[in-house]
Amino acid sequence: MGTVNKLKIENLKLKIFVLHGWTYSRQKWDPFLSFLKSEGLNPYLLSIPGLTDKIDRPWDIDDYANWLYKKFENEKDKIILIGHSNGGRIALAFACSYPEKISKLILIDSAGIYHNEFSLRIKRAIFKAAAKIGKRLIDSKKAKDLLYFLAREKDYKNASPNVKKTMLNLLKSDKNLALGNIKAPTIIIWGRGDRITSLSDGKMLNQKIRNSKLFIIDNSSHSPQFTHPKEVVNIIAGQL
């Protein structure tokens, strides 16, 4: 039997749990999951409370870390965890709180780096309409970044009060993430053109997380697992 086939058979034993970002739909993940399966891996896309599952109160980052702990408490082996964007933030929180539970952490354009200006940008996103921004301001870099931010958080305005409060709780939590607690080998994958969580955030995570590697996807932005699924999966499979 060839080496590749042997690796695929061995990989079938590896459960990979996937945390999606700020989305209310799971369907867009299907091609990426299919590529993982084609490598003999065994992915599970989790439904996240507040997004693809319901919540009856606002959650904070500790709620999400504890939710994952309960989800995995019957797993005999350490887990492999993939997190994209906000899902990466949740994965980071879990890895910080329960480092002994993870064998490998995979972050794709992850949230989790604290920025002092975030609260201001949230307020501007909520209380100001993009239409009020004049042409001269739109031409500036800060205004363009704000427009990207507004586009990213358009779901925020339509969310329930519980979900809105949850999102604000999560944004605030970045300040307290103890990234130095993470023990698992960490794969960091980033779209070079990401304007939602910038490449500088990926480099910062790479600096702060011991035993981490940063892989940059050219000609990609915030979701390389959708635009370049095979390339992302090749990186993951090559590091497991």
C-alpha atoms as a PDB file:
ATOM      1  CA  MET A   1       0.000   0.000   0.000  1.00  0.00           C
ATOM      2  CA  GLY A   2       1.387   3.454  -0.909  1.00  0.00           C
ATOM      3  CA  THR A   3       2.532   5.960   1.687  1.00  0.00           C
ATOM      4  CA  VAL A   4      -0.199   8.464   0.744  1.00  0.00           C
ATOM      5  CA  ASN A   5      -2.934   5.849   1.167  1.00  0.00           C
ATOM      6  CA  LYS A   6      -1.479   4.790   4.510  1.00  0.00           C
ATOM      7  CA  LEU A   7      -1.520   8.403   5.663  1.00  0.00           C
ATOM      8  CA  LYS A   8      -5.133   8.793   4.588  1.00  0.00           C
ATOM      9  CA  ILE A   9      -6.164   5.675   6.495  1.00  0.00           C
ATOM     10  CA  GLU A  10      -4.361   6.968   9.583  1.00  0.00           C
ATOM     11  CA  ASN A  11      -5.908  10.413   9.185  1.00  0.00           C
ATOM     12  CA  LEU A  12      -9.411   8.950   9.182  1.00  0.00           C
ATOM     13  CA  LYS A  13      -8.925   8.525  12.913  1.00  0.00           C
ATOM     14  CA  LEU A  14      -8.337  12.272  13.284  1.00  0.00           C
ATOM     15  CA  LYS A  15     -11.463  14.208  14.104  1.00  0.00           C
ATOM     16  CA  ILE A  16     -11.134  17.836  13.133  1.00  0.00           C
ATOM     17  CA  PHE A  17     -13.648  20.215  14.681  1.00  0.00           C
ATOM     18  CA  VAL A  18     -14.354  23.394  12.726  1.00  0.00           C
ATOM     19  CA  LEU A  19     -15.632  26.687  14.144  1.00  0.00           C
ATOM     20  CA  HIS A  20     -17.099  29.009  11.508  1.00  0.00           C
ATOM     21  CA  GLY A  21     -17.008  32.792  11.687  1.00  0.00           C
ATOM     22  CA  TRP A  22     -19.778  35.353  12.050  1.00  0.00           C
ATOM     23  CA  THR A  23     -22.329  33.757   9.747  1.00  0.00           C
ATOM     24  CA  TYR A  24     -25.831  32.360   9.997  1.00  0.00           C
ATOM     25  CA  SER A  25     -25.327  29.698   7.320  1.00  0.00           C
ATOM     26  CA  ARG A  26     -23.203  26.550   7.175  1.00  0.00           C
ATOM     27  CA  GLN A  27     -23.585  25.780   3.453  1.00  0.00           C
ATOM     28  CA  LYS A  28     -20.649  27.836   2.223  1.00  0.00           C
ATOM     29  CA  TRP A  29     -18.311  25.514   4.113  1.00  0.00           C
ATOM     30  CA  ASP A  30     -19.245  22.408   2.118  1.00  0.00           C
ATOM     31  CA  PRO A  31     -16.467  22.616  -0.546  1.00  0.00           C
ATOM     32  CA  PHE A  32     -13.759  23.148   2.084  1.00  0.00           C
ATOM     33  CA  LEU A  33     -15.052  20.236   4.157  1.00  0.00           C
ATOM     34  CA  SER A  34     -15.100  18.072   1.035  1.00  0.00           C
ATOM     35  CA  PHE A  35     -11.434  18.882   0.361  1.00  0.00           C
ATOM     36  CA  LEU A  36     -10.582  17.897   3.942  1.00  0.00           C
ATOM     37  CA  LYS A  37     -12.418  14.604   3.466  1.00  0.00           C
ATOM     38  CA  SER A  38     -10.576  14.003   0.190  1.00  0.00           C
ATOM     39  CA  GLU A  39      -7.356  14.035   2.231  1.00  0.00           C
ATOM     40  CA  GLY A  40      -8.761  11.295   4.439  1.00  0.00           C
ATOM     41  CA  LEU A  41      -9.547  13.699   7.276  1.00  0.00           C
ATOM     42  CA  ASN A  42     -12.699  13.608   9.373  1.00  0.00           C
ATOM     43  CA  PRO A  43     -14.098  17.160   9.800  1.00  0.00           C
ATOM     44  CA  TYR A  44     -17.068  18.223  11.915  1.00  0.00           C
ATOM     45  CA  LEU A  45     -18.489  21.715  11.385  1.00  0.00           C
ATOM     46  CA  LEU A  46     -19.969  22.808  14.703  1.00  0.00           C
ATOM     47  CA  SER A  47     -23.114  24.918  15.025  1.00  0.00           C
ATOM     48  CA  ILE A  48     -22.190  27.946  17.095  1.00  0.00           C
ATOM     49  CA  PRO A  49     -24.632  29.316  19.682  1.00  0.00           C
ATOM     50  CA  GLY A  50     -25.952  32.715  18.675  1.00  0.00           C
ATOM     51  CA  LEU A  51     -25.215  32.139  14.991  1.00  0.00           C
ATOM     52  CA  THR A  52     -26.106  28.710  13.625  1.00  0.00           C
ATOM     53  CA  ASP A  53     -27.658  27.682  16.926  1.00  0.00           C
ATOM     54  CA  LYS A  54     -29.963  29.564  19.296  1.00  0.00           C
ATOM     55  CA  ILE A  55     -29.191  31.372  22.535  1.00  0.00           C
ATOM     56  CA  ASP A  56     -31.669  32.684  25.102  1.00  0.00           C
ATOM     57  CA  ARG A  57     -29.280  35.200  26.698  1.00  0.00           C
ATOM     58  CA  PRO A  58     -26.113  37.065  25.759  1.00  0.00           C
ATOM     59  CA  TRP A  59     -22.949  34.944  25.855  1.00  0.00           C
ATOM     60  CA  ASP A  60     -19.391  35.953  26.648  1.00  0.00           C
ATOM     61  CA  ILE A  61     -16.121  34.314  25.667  1.00  0.00           C
ATOM     62  CA  ASP A  62     -16.059  32.149  28.805  1.00  0.00           C
ATOM     63  CA  ASP A  63     -19.472  30.762  27.858  1.00  0.00           C
ATOM     64  CA  TYR A  64     -18.069  29.697  24.494  1.00  0.00           C
ATOM     65  CA  ALA A  65     -14.956  28.138  26.028  1.00  0.00           C
ATOM     66  CA  ASN A  66     -17.105  26.201  28.512  1.00  0.00           C
ATOM     67  CA  TRP A  67     -19.497  25.166  25.727  1.00  0.00           C
ATOM     68  CA  LEU A  68     -16.582  23.654  23.823  1.00  0.00           C
ATOM     69  CA  TYR A  69     -15.268  21.966  26.952  1.00  0.00           C
ATOM     70  CA  LYS A  70     -18.615  20.232  27.457  1.00  0.00           C
ATOM     71  CA  LYS A  71     -18.732  19.381  23.759  1.00  0.00           C
ATOM     72  CA  PHE A  72     -15.363  17.643  23.945  1.00  0.00           C
ATOM     73  CA  GLU A  73     -15.407  16.181  27.454  1.00  0.00           C
ATOM     74  CA  ASN A  74     -16.199  12.684  26.166  1.00  0.00           C
ATOM     75  CA  GLU A  75     -13.463  12.749  23.526  1.00  0.00           C
ATOM     76  CA  LYS A  76     -10.773  10.260  24.536  1.00  0.00           C
ATOM     77  CA  ASP A  77      -8.005  11.934  22.562  1.00  0.00           C
ATOM     78  CA  LYS A  78      -6.846  15.509  22.316  1.00  0.00           C
ATOM     79  CA  ILE A  79      -8.662  17.364  19.570  1.00  0.00           C
ATOM     80  CA  ILE A  80      -7.696  19.240  16.428  1.00  0.00           C
ATOM     81  CA  LEU A  81      -9.533  22.550  16.235  1.00  0.00           C
ATOM     82  CA  ILE A  82      -9.941  24.859  13.226  1.00  0.00           C
ATOM     83  CA  GLY A  83     -11.300  28.367  13.751  1.00  0.00           C
ATOM     84  CA  HIS A  84     -12.030  31.029  11.145  1.00  0.00           C
ATOM     85  CA  SER A  85     -12.428  34.708  12.056  1.00  0.00           C
ATOM     86  CA  ASN A  86     -14.736  34.857  15.106  1.00  0.00           C
ATOM     87  CA  GLY A  87     -14.483  31.072  15.278  1.00  0.00           C
ATOM     88  CA  GLY A  88     -10.746  31.564  15.643  1.00  0.00           C
ATOM     89  CA  ARG A  89     -11.369  33.866  18.589  1.00  0.00           C
ATOM     90  CA  ILE A  90     -13.447  31.129  20.251  1.00  0.00           C
ATOM     91  CA  ALA A  91     -10.782  28.529  19.449  1.00  0.00           C
ATOM     92  CA  LEU A  92      -8.114  30.770  20.981  1.00  0.00           C
ATOM     93  CA  ALA A  93     -10.155  31.232  24.152  1.00  0.00           C
ATOM     94  CA  PHE A  94     -10.609  27.474  24.479  1.00  0.00           C
ATOM     95  CA  ALA A  95      -6.917  26.825  23.829  1.00  0.00           C
ATOM     96  CA  CYS A  96      -5.961  29.414  26.457  1.00  0.00           C
ATOM     97  CA  SER A  97      -8.333  27.995  29.082  1.00  0.00           C
ATOM     98  CA  TYR A  98      -7.885  24.289  28.335  1.00  0.00           C
ATOM     99  CA  PRO A  99      -4.459  23.906  26.684  1.00  0.00           C
ATOM    100  CA  GLU A 100      -4.296  20.238  27.664  1.00  0.00           C
ATOM    101  CA  LYS A 101      -7.322  19.430  25.485  1.00  0.00           C
ATOM    102  CA  ILE A 102      -5.844  20.384  22.096  1.00  0.00           C
ATOM    103  CA  SER A 103      -3.308  18.508  19.996  1.00  0.00           C
ATOM    104  CA  LYS A 104      -3.290  21.001  17.114  1.00  0.00           C
ATOM    105  CA  LEU A 105      -4.776  24.481  16.683  1.00  0.00           C
ATOM    106  CA  ILE A 106      -5.487  25.827  13.193  1.00  0.00           C
ATOM    107  CA  LEU A 107      -6.397  29.497  12.788  1.00  0.00           C
ATOM    108  CA  ILE A 108      -7.673  30.971   9.523  1.00  0.00           C
ATOM    109  CA  ASP A 109      -7.732  34.799   9.409  1.00  0.00           C
ATOM    110  CA  SER A 110      -8.604  34.697  13.075  1.00  0.00           C
ATOM    111  CA  ALA A 111     -10.036  37.398  15.289  1.00  0.00           C
ATOM    112  CA  GLY A 112      -8.537  37.700  18.749  1.00  0.00           C
ATOM    113  CA  ILE A 113      -5.985  40.506  18.558  1.00  0.00           C
ATOM    114  CA  TYR A 114      -7.158  43.467  20.619  1.00  0.00           C
ATOM    115  CA  HIS A 115      -7.329  46.885  18.976  1.00  0.00           C
ATOM    116  CA  ASN A 116      -8.022  49.963  21.053  1.00  0.00           C
ATOM    117  CA  GLU A 117      -9.999  51.605  18.255  1.00  0.00           C
ATOM    118  CA  PHE A 118     -12.487  48.738  17.931  1.00  0.00           C
ATOM    119  CA  SER A 119     -15.076  50.163  20.326  1.00  0.00           C
ATOM    120  CA  LEU A 120     -15.047  53.459  18.434  1.00  0.00           C
ATOM    121  CA  ARG A 121     -15.452  51.662  15.116  1.00  0.00           C
ATOM    122  CA  ILE A 122     -18.391  49.681  16.503  1.00  0.00           C
ATOM    123  CA  LYS A 123     -20.143  52.871  17.592  1.00  0.00           C
ATOM    124  CA  ARG A 124     -19.563  54.434  14.210  1.00  0.00           C
ATOM    125  CA  ALA A 125     -20.865  51.324  12.489  1.00  0.00           C
ATOM    126  CA  ILE A 126     -24.034  51.383  14.552  1.00  0.00           C
ATOM    127  CA  PHE A 127     -24.851  55.085  14.634  1.00  0.00           C
ATOM    128  CA  LYS A 128     -23.609  56.362  11.292  1.00  0.00           C
ATOM    129  CA  ALA A 129     -24.708  55.330   7.841  1.00  0.00           C
ATOM    130  CA  ALA A 130     -22.126  54.888   5.119  1.00  0.00           C
ATOM    131  CA  ALA A 131     -24.201  57.181   2.905  1.00  0.00           C
ATOM    132  CA  LYS A 132     -23.311  60.115   5.146  1.00  0.00           C
ATOM    133  CA  ILE A 133     -19.625  59.792   4.377  1.00  0.00           C
ATOM    134  CA  GLY A 134     -18.600  62.410   1.849  1.00  0.00           C
ATOM    135  CA  LYS A 135     -16.583  61.650  -1.263  1.00  0.00           C
ATOM    136  CA  ARG A 136     -13.447  63.281   0.107  1.00  0.00           C
ATOM    137  CA  LEU A 137     -13.641  61.140   3.245  1.00  0.00           C
ATOM    138  CA  ILE A 138     -14.368  57.977   1.274  1.00  0.00           C
ATOM    139  CA  ASP A 139     -11.104  58.500  -0.586  1.00  0.00           C
ATOM    140  CA  SER A 140      -9.161  58.301   2.660  1.00  0.00           C
ATOM    141  CA  LYS A 141      -7.737  55.002   3.906  1.00  0.00           C
ATOM    142  CA  LYS A 142      -9.504  55.252   7.286  1.00  0.00           C
ATOM    143  CA  ALA A 143     -12.865  55.707   5.616  1.00  0.00           C
ATOM    144  CA  LYS A 144     -12.260  52.748   3.308  1.00  0.00           C
ATOM    145  CA  ASP A 145     -11.379  50.624   6.313  1.00  0.00           C
ATOM    146  CA  LEU A 146     -14.580  51.778   7.998  1.00  0.00           C
ATOM    147  CA  LEU A 147     -16.625  50.818   4.948  1.00  0.00           C
ATOM    148  CA  TYR A 148     -15.077  47.361   4.979  1.00  0.00           C
ATOM    149  CA  PHE A 149     -15.898  47.154   8.658  1.00  0.00           C
ATOM    150  CA  LEU A 150     -19.496  48.222   8.018  1.00  0.00           C
ATOM    151  CA  ALA A 151     -19.809  45.583   5.318  1.00  0.00           C
ATOM    152  CA  ARG A 152     -18.418  42.934   7.642  1.00  0.00           C
ATOM    153  CA  GLU A 153     -20.787  43.811  10.469  1.00  0.00           C
ATOM    154  CA  LYS A 154     -23.964  44.297   8.419  1.00  0.00           C
ATOM    155  CA  ASP A 155     -25.414  41.251  10.163  1.00  0.00           C
ATOM    156  CA  TYR A 156     -24.887  43.017  13.477  1.00  0.00           C
ATOM    157  CA  LYS A 157     -27.593  45.570  12.736  1.00  0.00           C
ATOM    158  CA  ASN A 158     -30.111  42.830  11.936  1.00  0.00           C
ATOM    159  CA  ALA A 159     -29.198  40.626  14.896  1.00  0.00           C
ATOM    160  CA  SER A 160     -31.327  40.018  17.963  1.00  0.00           C
ATOM    161  CA  PRO A 161     -30.504  41.962  21.150  1.00  0.00           C
ATOM    162  CA  ASN A 162     -28.915  38.843  22.668  1.00  0.00           C
ATOM    163  CA  VAL A 163     -26.644  38.373  19.659  1.00  0.00           C
ATOM    164  CA  LYS A 164     -25.697  42.068  19.537  1.00  0.00           C
ATOM    165  CA  LYS A 165     -24.653  41.989  23.176  1.00  0.00           C
ATOM    166  CA  THR A 166     -22.809  38.722  22.579  1.00  0.00           C
ATOM    167  CA  MET A 167     -20.809  40.274  19.764  1.00  0.00           C
ATOM    168  CA  LEU A 168     -19.802  43.253  21.883  1.00  0.00           C
ATOM    169  CA  ASN A 169     -18.795  40.887  24.689  1.00  0.00           C
ATOM    170  CA  LEU A 170     -16.571  38.948  22.295  1.00  0.00           C
ATOM    171  CA  LEU A 171     -14.890  42.059  20.922  1.00  0.00           C
ATOM    172  CA  LYS A 172     -14.056  43.211  24.445  1.00  0.00           C
ATOM    173  CA  SER A 173     -12.684  39.798  25.382  1.00  0.00           C
ATOM    174  CA  ASP A 174      -9.698  40.059  23.013  1.00  0.00           C
ATOM    175  CA  LYS A 175      -7.937  42.259  25.556  1.00  0.00           C
ATOM    176  CA  ASN A 176      -7.764  39.395  28.055  1.00  0.00           C
ATOM    177  CA  LEU A 177      -6.737  36.453  25.865  1.00  0.00           C
ATOM    178  CA  ALA A 178      -3.701  34.820  27.477  1.00  0.00           C
ATOM    179  CA  LEU A 179      -2.078  33.642  24.254  1.00  0.00           C
ATOM    180  CA  GLY A 180       1.040  32.593  26.132  1.00  0.00           C
ATOM    181  CA  ASN A 181      -0.971  29.750  27.695  1.00  0.00           C
ATOM    182  CA  ILE A 182      -1.392  27.971  24.369  1.00  0.00           C
ATOM    183  CA  LYS A 183       0.735  24.828  24.243  1.00  0.00           C
ATOM    184  CA  ALA A 184      -0.497  23.085  21.097  1.00  0.00           C
ATOM    185  CA  PRO A 185       1.390  23.399  17.802  1.00  0.00           C
ATOM    186  CA  THR A 186      -0.504  26.100  15.932  1.00  0.00           C
ATOM    187  CA  ILE A 187      -0.984  26.591  12.195  1.00  0.00           C
ATOM    188  CA  ILE A 188      -1.877  30.167  11.243  1.00  0.00           C
ATOM    189  CA  ILE A 189      -3.241  30.644   7.710  1.00  0.00           C
ATOM    190  CA  TRP A 190      -3.924  34.139   6.371  1.00  0.00           C
ATOM    191  CA  GLY A 191      -5.118  35.800   3.201  1.00  0.00           C
ATOM    192  CA  ARG A 192      -2.527  38.392   2.208  1.00  0.00           C
ATOM    193  CA  GLY A 193      -5.219  40.873   1.183  1.00  0.00           C
ATOM    194  CA  ASP A 194      -7.415  40.534   4.277  1.00  0.00           C
ATOM    195  CA  ARG A 195      -8.891  43.914   5.221  1.00  0.00           C
ATOM    196  CA  ILE A 196     -11.122  42.602   8.007  1.00  0.00           C
ATOM    197  CA  THR A 197      -8.509  40.949  10.191  1.00  0.00           C
ATOM    198  CA  SER A 198      -5.305  42.292   8.709  1.00  0.00           C
ATOM    199  CA  LEU A 199      -2.169  40.282   8.044  1.00  0.00           C
ATOM    200  CA  SER A 200      -0.492  42.214  10.858  1.00  0.00           C
ATOM    201  CA  ASP A 201      -2.877  40.400  13.231  1.00  0.00           C
ATOM    202  CA  GLY A 202      -1.706  37.071  11.849  1.00  0.00           C
ATOM    203  CA  LYS A 203       1.914  38.083  12.360  1.00  0.00           C
ATOM    204  CA  MET A 204       1.119  39.170  15.910  1.00  0.00           C
ATOM    205  CA  LEU A 205      -0.490  35.804  16.679  1.00  0.00           C
ATOM    206  CA  ASN A 206       2.581  34.109  15.228  1.00  0.00           C
ATOM    207  CA  GLN A 207       4.785  36.128  17.590  1.00  0.00           C
ATOM    208  CA  LYS A 208       2.656  35.536  20.678  1.00  0.00           C
ATOM    209  CA  ILE A 209       1.871  31.820  20.254  1.00  0.00           C
ATOM    210  CA  ARG A 210       4.829  29.549  20.856  1.00  0.00           C
ATOM    211  CA  ASN A 211       5.372  26.767  18.362  1.00  0.00           C
ATOM    212  CA  SER A 212       3.248  28.458  15.699  1.00  0.00           C
ATOM    213  CA  LYS A 213       3.765  28.717  11.944  1.00  0.00           C
ATOM    214  CA  LEU A 214       2.326  31.378   9.658  1.00  0.00           C
ATOM    215  CA  PHE A 215       1.275  30.550   6.084  1.00  0.00           C
ATOM    216  CA  ILE A 216       0.193  33.380   3.777  1.00  0.00           C
ATOM    217  CA  ILE A 217      -2.182  32.807   0.856  1.00  0.00           C
ATOM    218  CA  ASP A 218      -1.529  35.192  -2.039  1.00  0.00           C
ATOM    219  CA  ASN A 219      -4.429  36.731  -3.973  1.00  0.00           C
ATOM    220  CA  SER A 220      -6.780  35.975  -1.100  1.00  0.00           C
ATOM    221  CA  SER A 221      -8.612  38.044   1.491  1.00  0.00           C
ATOM    222  CA  HIS A 222     -10.540  37.192   4.656  1.00  0.00           C
ATOM    223  CA  SER A 223     -11.764  33.704   3.747  1.00  0.00           C
ATOM    224  CA  PRO A 224      -9.087  31.727   1.869  1.00  0.00           C
ATOM    225  CA  GLN A 225     -10.810  28.472   2.836  1.00  0.00           C
ATOM    226  CA  PHE A 226     -13.591  29.507   0.428  1.00  0.00           C
ATOM    227  CA  THR A 227     -11.547  31.099  -2.366  1.00  0.00           C
ATOM    228  CA  HIS A 228      -8.506  28.796  -2.158  1.00  0.00           C
ATOM    229  CA  PRO A 229      -9.818  25.671  -0.391  1.00  0.00           C
ATOM    230  CA  LYS A 230      -7.350  23.223  -1.914  1.00  0.00           C
ATOM    231  CA  GLU A 231      -4.352  25.379  -1.028  1.00  0.00           C
ATOM    232  CA  VAL A 232      -5.557  25.779   2.552  1.00  0.00           C
ATOM    233  CA  VAL A 233      -6.260  22.057   2.907  1.00  0.00           C
ATOM    234  CA  ASN A 234      -2.835  21.197   1.475  1.00  0.00           C
ATOM    235  CA  ILE A 235      -1.236  23.332   4.184  1.00  0.00           C
ATOM    236  CA  ILE A 236      -3.325  21.690   6.894  1.00  0.00           C
ATOM    237  CA  ALA A 237      -2.727  18.142   5.651  1.00  0.00           C
ATOM    238  CA  GLY A 238       0.991  18.813   5.337  1.00  0.00           C
ATOM    239  CA  GLN A 239       1.250  19.940   8.956  1.00  0.00           C
ATOM    240  CA  LEU A 240      -0.759  17.154  10.631  1.00  0.00           C
END
